[in-house]
Amino acid sequence: MKLIDSNKRTNAATNFTESAPFLRNHRAILIHRPVSAGLYELKSFGSHIAVKCFCGATFSGTHQLEFVNEPNEDEVVCNACEQRAIMRGMPSSEEIVGRHVHTGKMVLKMICSHEGREGV
């Protein structure tokens, strides 16, 4: 699938112009939709990929990122990515995959160490 903002990563060694429509980060829970990506060569870090997603999240790394053609049936696509991709004229995840795709989001839950504990 064509990446919409493929020209925005000007300081990358290589800008990606196309990728699979979904990004799986093995250290995260949600599946994201990439909007731009590039390969970077840094002397101190080596080569790595950096990806910006429709929701605004950015990821970089060497091994934990995987571009995939479709999420597994039990995986959840980032709802913000989904809505923003559609607003920018991209097909929905369901249109890409041809079946129902779960969308969702992460919600912060504050858990203070002193609440509900006696003697702490």
N, C-alpha and C. Protein backbone atom coordinates (compact mmCIF):
# COMPACT_ATOMS: atom_id res chain seq x y z
N MET A 1 0.85 -1.16 0.00
CA MET A 1 0.00 0.00 0.00
C MET A 1 0.90 1.23 0.00
N LYS A 2 0.54 2.24 -0.75
CA LYS A 2 1.33 3.46 -0.84
C LYS A 2 1.28 4.21 0.49
N LEU A 3 2.44 4.68 0.93
CA LEU A 3 2.51 5.49 2.15
C LEU A 3 2.23 6.94 1.78
N ILE A 4 1.31 7.57 2.48
CA ILE A 4 0.87 8.92 2.14
C ILE A 4 1.98 9.95 2.32
N ASP A 5 2.68 9.92 3.43
CA ASP A 5 3.69 10.93 3.73
C ASP A 5 5.11 10.42 3.47
N SER A 6 5.32 9.71 2.39
CA SER A 6 6.62 9.09 2.14
C SER A 6 7.72 10.11 1.90
N ASN A 7 7.41 11.32 1.52
CA ASN A 7 8.44 12.33 1.25
C ASN A 7 8.79 13.16 2.47
N LYS A 8 8.14 12.99 3.59
CA LYS A 8 8.36 13.83 4.77
C LYS A 8 9.60 13.44 5.56
N ARG A 9 10.11 12.25 5.40
CA ARG A 9 11.30 11.82 6.15
C ARG A 9 12.54 12.13 5.33
N THR A 10 12.94 13.38 5.32
CA THR A 10 14.01 13.82 4.44
C THR A 10 15.40 13.43 4.94
N ASN A 11 15.59 13.23 6.24
CA ASN A 11 16.92 12.89 6.74
C ASN A 11 17.14 11.38 6.86
N ALA A 12 16.23 10.59 6.34
CA ALA A 12 16.41 9.15 6.35
C ALA A 12 17.35 8.75 5.22
N ALA A 13 18.07 7.67 5.43
CA ALA A 13 18.93 7.15 4.37
C ALA A 13 18.08 6.66 3.20
N THR A 14 16.96 6.05 3.51
CA THR A 14 16.03 5.56 2.50
C THR A 14 14.61 5.81 2.98
N ASN A 15 13.80 6.48 2.17
CA ASN A 15 12.38 6.66 2.48
C ASN A 15 11.60 5.52 1.85
N PHE A 16 10.68 4.93 2.61
CA PHE A 16 9.82 3.90 2.05
C PHE A 16 8.68 4.59 1.31
N THR A 17 8.36 4.13 0.13
CA THR A 17 7.22 4.68 -0.60
C THR A 17 6.01 3.77 -0.49
N GLU A 18 6.23 2.49 -0.17
CA GLU A 18 5.14 1.53 0.01
C GLU A 18 5.48 0.59 1.16
N SER A 19 4.44 0.06 1.76
CA SER A 19 4.63 -0.95 2.80
C SER A 19 3.35 -1.75 2.90
N ALA A 20 3.39 -2.80 3.68
CA ALA A 20 2.16 -3.51 4.03
C ALA A 20 1.30 -2.53 4.83
N PRO A 21 -0.01 -2.68 4.82
CA PRO A 21 -0.89 -1.68 5.42
C PRO A 21 -0.94 -1.65 6.94
N PHE A 22 -0.32 -2.62 7.60
CA PHE A 22 -0.38 -2.68 9.06
C PHE A 22 1.01 -2.85 9.65
N LEU A 23 1.19 -2.32 10.86
CA LEU A 23 2.47 -2.43 11.56
C LEU A 23 2.24 -3.14 12.88
N ARG A 24 2.95 -4.24 13.07
CA ARG A 24 2.92 -4.98 14.34
C ARG A 24 4.22 -4.65 15.07
N ASN A 25 4.08 -4.14 16.28
CA ASN A 25 5.22 -3.90 17.15
C ASN A 25 5.16 -4.99 18.22
N HIS A 26 6.14 -5.84 18.26
CA HIS A 26 6.11 -6.99 19.18
C HIS A 26 6.21 -6.57 20.64
N ARG A 27 6.46 -5.29 20.90
CA ARG A 27 6.48 -4.78 22.27
C ARG A 27 5.22 -4.00 22.62
N ALA A 28 4.25 -3.99 21.74
CA ALA A 28 3.02 -3.23 21.96
C ALA A 28 1.80 -4.14 21.84
N ILE A 29 0.64 -3.59 22.14
CA ILE A 29 -0.59 -4.37 22.10
C ILE A 29 -1.38 -4.11 20.82
N LEU A 30 -1.49 -2.84 20.42
CA LEU A 30 -2.29 -2.48 19.25
C LEU A 30 -1.51 -2.64 17.95
N ILE A 31 -2.23 -2.94 16.89
CA ILE A 31 -1.69 -2.94 15.54
C ILE A 31 -1.93 -1.54 14.97
N HIS A 32 -0.93 -0.95 14.36
CA HIS A 32 -1.06 0.42 13.85
C HIS A 32 -1.04 0.44 12.32
N ARG A 33 -1.44 1.58 11.77
CA ARG A 33 -1.43 1.79 10.33
C ARG A 33 -0.36 2.82 10.00
N PRO A 34 0.69 2.43 9.27
CA PRO A 34 1.80 3.34 8.99
C PRO A 34 1.43 4.41 7.97
N VAL A 35 1.96 5.62 8.21
CA VAL A 35 1.76 6.73 7.28
C VAL A 35 3.08 7.09 6.59
N SER A 36 4.21 6.87 7.27
CA SER A 36 5.52 7.08 6.66
C SER A 36 6.54 6.20 7.37
N ALA A 37 7.62 5.91 6.66
CA ALA A 37 8.67 5.06 7.23
C ALA A 37 9.98 5.33 6.53
N GLY A 38 11.05 5.11 7.25
CA GLY A 38 12.37 5.30 6.66
C GLY A 38 13.40 4.42 7.32
N LEU A 39 14.45 4.15 6.59
CA LEU A 39 15.59 3.40 7.10
C LEU A 39 16.68 4.40 7.44
N TYR A 40 17.20 4.35 8.64
CA TYR A 40 18.21 5.28 9.11
C TYR A 40 19.52 4.55 9.35
N GLU A 41 20.61 5.18 9.00
CA GLU A 41 21.95 4.65 9.25
C GLU A 41 22.64 5.58 10.23
N LEU A 42 22.86 5.12 11.45
CA LEU A 42 23.56 5.92 12.45
C LEU A 42 24.80 5.16 12.90
N LYS A 43 25.92 5.86 12.97
CA LYS A 43 27.16 5.20 13.37
C LYS A 43 27.08 4.62 14.77
N SER A 44 26.44 5.34 15.68
CA SER A 44 26.39 4.88 17.06
C SER A 44 25.34 3.80 17.30
N PHE A 45 24.31 3.74 16.47
CA PHE A 45 23.20 2.81 16.70
C PHE A 45 23.10 1.75 15.62
N GLY A 46 23.66 2.00 14.47
CA GLY A 46 23.52 1.08 13.35
C GLY A 46 22.26 1.42 12.56
N SER A 47 21.89 0.54 11.66
CA SER A 47 20.70 0.81 10.86
C SER A 47 19.45 0.40 11.63
N HIS A 48 18.40 1.19 11.47
CA HIS A 48 17.13 0.88 12.10
C HIS A 48 16.01 1.52 11.29
N ILE A 49 14.81 1.04 11.48
CA ILE A 49 13.63 1.56 10.81
C ILE A 49 12.87 2.46 11.78
N ALA A 50 12.38 3.59 11.27
CA ALA A 50 11.50 4.47 12.03
C ALA A 50 10.19 4.59 11.27
N VAL A 51 9.08 4.48 12.00
CA VAL A 51 7.76 4.48 11.38
C VAL A 51 6.87 5.48 12.12
N LYS A 52 6.16 6.30 11.36
CA LYS A 52 5.13 7.17 11.94
C LYS A 52 3.78 6.61 11.52
N CYS A 53 2.86 6.56 12.48
CA CYS A 53 1.54 5.99 12.22
C CYS A 53 0.49 7.10 12.14
N PHE A 54 -0.67 6.75 11.59
CA PHE A 54 -1.73 7.73 11.43
C PHE A 54 -2.15 8.36 12.75
N CYS A 55 -2.06 7.63 13.85
CA CYS A 55 -2.47 8.16 15.15
C CYS A 55 -1.46 9.14 15.73
N GLY A 56 -0.28 9.23 15.13
CA GLY A 56 0.77 10.11 15.63
C GLY A 56 1.86 9.36 16.38
N ALA A 57 1.63 8.11 16.70
CA ALA A 57 2.65 7.31 17.38
C ALA A 57 3.82 7.07 16.44
N THR A 58 5.02 7.04 17.00
CA THR A 58 6.21 6.73 16.22
C THR A 58 6.92 5.55 16.89
N PHE A 59 7.51 4.72 16.06
CA PHE A 59 8.23 3.55 16.54
C PHE A 59 9.55 3.46 15.78
N SER A 60 10.57 3.00 16.46
CA SER A 60 11.83 2.73 15.77
C SER A 60 12.45 1.49 16.38
N GLY A 61 13.23 0.81 15.58
CA GLY A 61 13.87 -0.39 16.08
C GLY A 61 14.48 -1.20 14.96
N THR A 62 14.98 -2.35 15.34
CA THR A 62 15.65 -3.22 14.39
C THR A 62 14.91 -4.53 14.19
N HIS A 63 14.36 -5.10 15.25
CA HIS A 63 13.77 -6.43 15.14
C HIS A 63 12.31 -6.52 15.58
N GLN A 64 11.84 -5.59 16.42
CA GLN A 64 10.50 -5.75 16.98
C GLN A 64 9.39 -5.25 16.07
N LEU A 65 9.72 -4.58 14.97
CA LEU A 65 8.70 -4.04 14.07
C LEU A 65 8.49 -4.98 12.88
N GLU A 66 7.23 -5.20 12.54
CA GLU A 66 6.90 -6.10 11.43
C GLU A 66 5.74 -5.52 10.63
N PHE A 67 5.96 -5.26 9.36
CA PHE A 67 4.89 -4.83 8.47
C PHE A 67 4.13 -6.08 8.04
N VAL A 68 2.80 -6.05 8.20
CA VAL A 68 1.97 -7.21 7.88
C VAL A 68 0.82 -6.81 6.97
N ASN A 69 0.37 -7.76 6.15
CA ASN A 69 -0.74 -7.51 5.23
C ASN A 69 -2.10 -7.52 5.91
N GLU A 70 -2.19 -8.21 7.03
CA GLU A 70 -3.44 -8.20 7.79
C GLU A 70 -3.17 -8.58 9.23
N PRO A 71 -3.96 -8.02 10.16
CA PRO A 71 -3.81 -8.43 11.55
C PRO A 71 -4.43 -9.80 11.76
N ASN A 72 -3.95 -10.51 12.77
CA ASN A 72 -4.58 -11.79 13.13
C ASN A 72 -6.00 -11.50 13.60
N GLU A 73 -6.84 -12.51 13.60
CA GLU A 73 -8.24 -12.31 13.96
C GLU A 73 -8.42 -11.85 15.40
N ASP A 74 -7.47 -12.15 16.29
CA ASP A 74 -7.60 -11.74 17.69
C ASP A 74 -6.83 -10.45 18.00
N GLU A 75 -6.23 -9.82 17.01
CA GLU A 75 -5.49 -8.58 17.24
C GLU A 75 -6.42 -7.37 17.05
N VAL A 76 -6.02 -6.24 17.64
CA VAL A 76 -6.84 -5.04 17.64
C VAL A 76 -6.07 -3.92 16.94
N VAL A 77 -6.70 -3.30 15.95
CA VAL A 77 -6.10 -2.17 15.23
C VAL A 77 -6.41 -0.89 15.99
N CYS A 78 -5.43 -0.03 16.09
CA CYS A 78 -5.58 1.27 16.76
C CYS A 78 -6.74 2.04 16.13
N ASN A 79 -7.73 2.41 16.93
CA ASN A 79 -8.91 3.11 16.43
C ASN A 79 -8.55 4.49 15.89
N ALA A 80 -7.61 5.18 16.53
CA ALA A 80 -7.20 6.51 16.05
C ALA A 80 -6.55 6.40 14.68
N CYS A 81 -5.70 5.39 14.49
CA CYS A 81 -5.11 5.14 13.17
C CYS A 81 -6.19 4.89 12.14
N GLU A 82 -7.13 4.05 12.50
CA GLU A 82 -8.21 3.67 11.58
C GLU A 82 -9.01 4.89 11.14
N GLN A 83 -9.44 5.69 12.10
CA GLN A 83 -10.27 6.86 11.78
C GLN A 83 -9.50 7.89 10.96
N ARG A 84 -8.26 8.14 11.30
CA ARG A 84 -7.47 9.14 10.57
C ARG A 84 -7.09 8.65 9.18
N ALA A 85 -6.85 7.36 9.02
CA ALA A 85 -6.56 6.81 7.69
C ALA A 85 -7.78 6.98 6.78
N ILE A 86 -8.95 6.68 7.30
CA ILE A 86 -10.18 6.83 6.52
C ILE A 86 -10.41 8.29 6.16
N MET A 87 -10.17 9.21 7.13
CA MET A 87 -10.35 10.64 6.86
C MET A 87 -9.40 11.14 5.76
N ARG A 88 -8.27 10.47 5.62
CA ARG A 88 -7.30 10.87 4.59
C ARG A 88 -7.48 10.10 3.28
N GLY A 89 -8.60 9.39 3.16
CA GLY A 89 -8.93 8.75 1.90
C GLY A 89 -8.42 7.33 1.73
N MET A 90 -7.87 6.74 2.77
CA MET A 90 -7.39 5.37 2.70
C MET A 90 -8.56 4.41 2.93
N PRO A 91 -8.46 3.18 2.42
CA PRO A 91 -9.52 2.20 2.69
C PRO A 91 -9.50 1.77 4.16
N SER A 92 -10.65 1.36 4.65
CA SER A 92 -10.73 0.87 6.03
C SER A 92 -9.99 -0.45 6.16
N SER A 93 -9.69 -0.82 7.37
CA SER A 93 -9.03 -2.12 7.62
C SER A 93 -9.87 -3.27 7.10
N GLU A 94 -11.18 -3.18 7.30
CA GLU A 94 -12.07 -4.24 6.83
C GLU A 94 -12.07 -4.33 5.31
N GLU A 95 -11.98 -3.19 4.61
CA GLU A 95 -11.91 -3.20 3.15
C GLU A 95 -10.59 -3.82 2.69
N ILE A 96 -9.51 -3.55 3.39
CA ILE A 96 -8.20 -4.09 3.03
C ILE A 96 -8.18 -5.60 3.21
N VAL A 97 -8.68 -6.05 4.37
CA VAL A 97 -8.57 -7.45 4.75
C VAL A 97 -9.71 -8.31 4.20
N GLY A 98 -10.89 -7.73 4.04
CA GLY A 98 -12.03 -8.49 3.54
C GLY A 98 -12.79 -9.23 4.61
N ARG A 99 -12.62 -8.84 5.85
CA ARG A 99 -13.35 -9.44 6.98
C ARG A 99 -13.42 -8.42 8.09
N HIS A 100 -14.15 -8.75 9.15
CA HIS A 100 -14.22 -7.85 10.30
C HIS A 100 -12.84 -7.72 10.95
N VAL A 101 -12.50 -6.50 11.32
CA VAL A 101 -11.25 -6.23 12.03
C VAL A 101 -11.60 -5.46 13.30
N HIS A 102 -11.12 -5.94 14.43
CA HIS A 102 -11.37 -5.26 15.71
C HIS A 102 -10.57 -3.97 15.75
N THR A 103 -11.17 -2.88 16.24
CA THR A 103 -10.45 -1.64 16.51
C THR A 103 -10.63 -1.30 17.97
N GLY A 104 -9.66 -0.60 18.54
CA GLY A 104 -9.75 -0.26 19.94
C GLY A 104 -8.70 0.75 20.33
N LYS A 105 -8.62 1.03 21.62
CA LYS A 105 -7.65 1.99 22.14
C LYS A 105 -7.21 1.58 23.53
N MET A 106 -6.11 2.17 23.96
CA MET A 106 -5.60 1.93 25.30
C MET A 106 -6.13 3.02 26.21
N VAL A 107 -6.48 2.68 27.43
CA VAL A 107 -6.98 3.65 28.39
C VAL A 107 -6.10 3.59 29.62
N LEU A 108 -5.66 4.75 30.07
CA LEU A 108 -4.83 4.84 31.26
C LEU A 108 -5.66 4.61 32.51
N LYS A 109 -5.14 3.80 33.41
CA LYS A 109 -5.79 3.61 34.70
C LYS A 109 -4.77 3.91 35.78
N MET A 110 -5.03 4.94 36.57
CA MET A 110 -4.12 5.35 37.62
C MET A 110 -4.28 4.42 38.82
N ILE A 111 -3.18 3.89 39.29
CA ILE A 111 -3.18 3.03 40.47
C ILE A 111 -2.11 3.56 41.40
N CYS A 112 -2.54 4.23 42.46
CA CYS A 112 -1.59 4.80 43.42
C CYS A 112 -1.20 3.74 44.45
N SER A 113 0.04 3.78 44.85
CA SER A 113 0.56 2.74 45.73
C SER A 113 -0.05 2.79 47.14
N HIS A 114 -0.53 3.94 47.56
CA HIS A 114 -1.04 4.04 48.92
C HIS A 114 -2.53 3.71 49.05
N GLU A 115 -3.24 3.62 47.93
CA GLU A 115 -4.67 3.34 48.00
C GLU A 115 -4.91 1.84 48.18
N GLY A 116 -5.75 1.52 49.13
CA GLY A 116 -6.16 0.13 49.33
C GLY A 116 -5.14 -0.74 50.03
N ARG A 117 -4.10 -0.14 50.56
CA ARG A 117 -3.08 -0.93 51.28
C ARG A 117 -2.95 -0.40 52.69
N GLU A 118 -3.04 -1.28 53.63
CA GLU A 118 -2.87 -0.90 55.03
C GLU A 118 -1.40 -0.88 55.38
N GLY A 119 -0.97 0.15 56.10
CA GLY A 119 0.40 0.20 56.58
C GLY A 119 1.43 0.63 55.55
N VAL A 120 1.00 1.11 54.41
CA VAL A 120 1.96 1.55 53.39
C VAL A 120 2.05 3.04 53.40
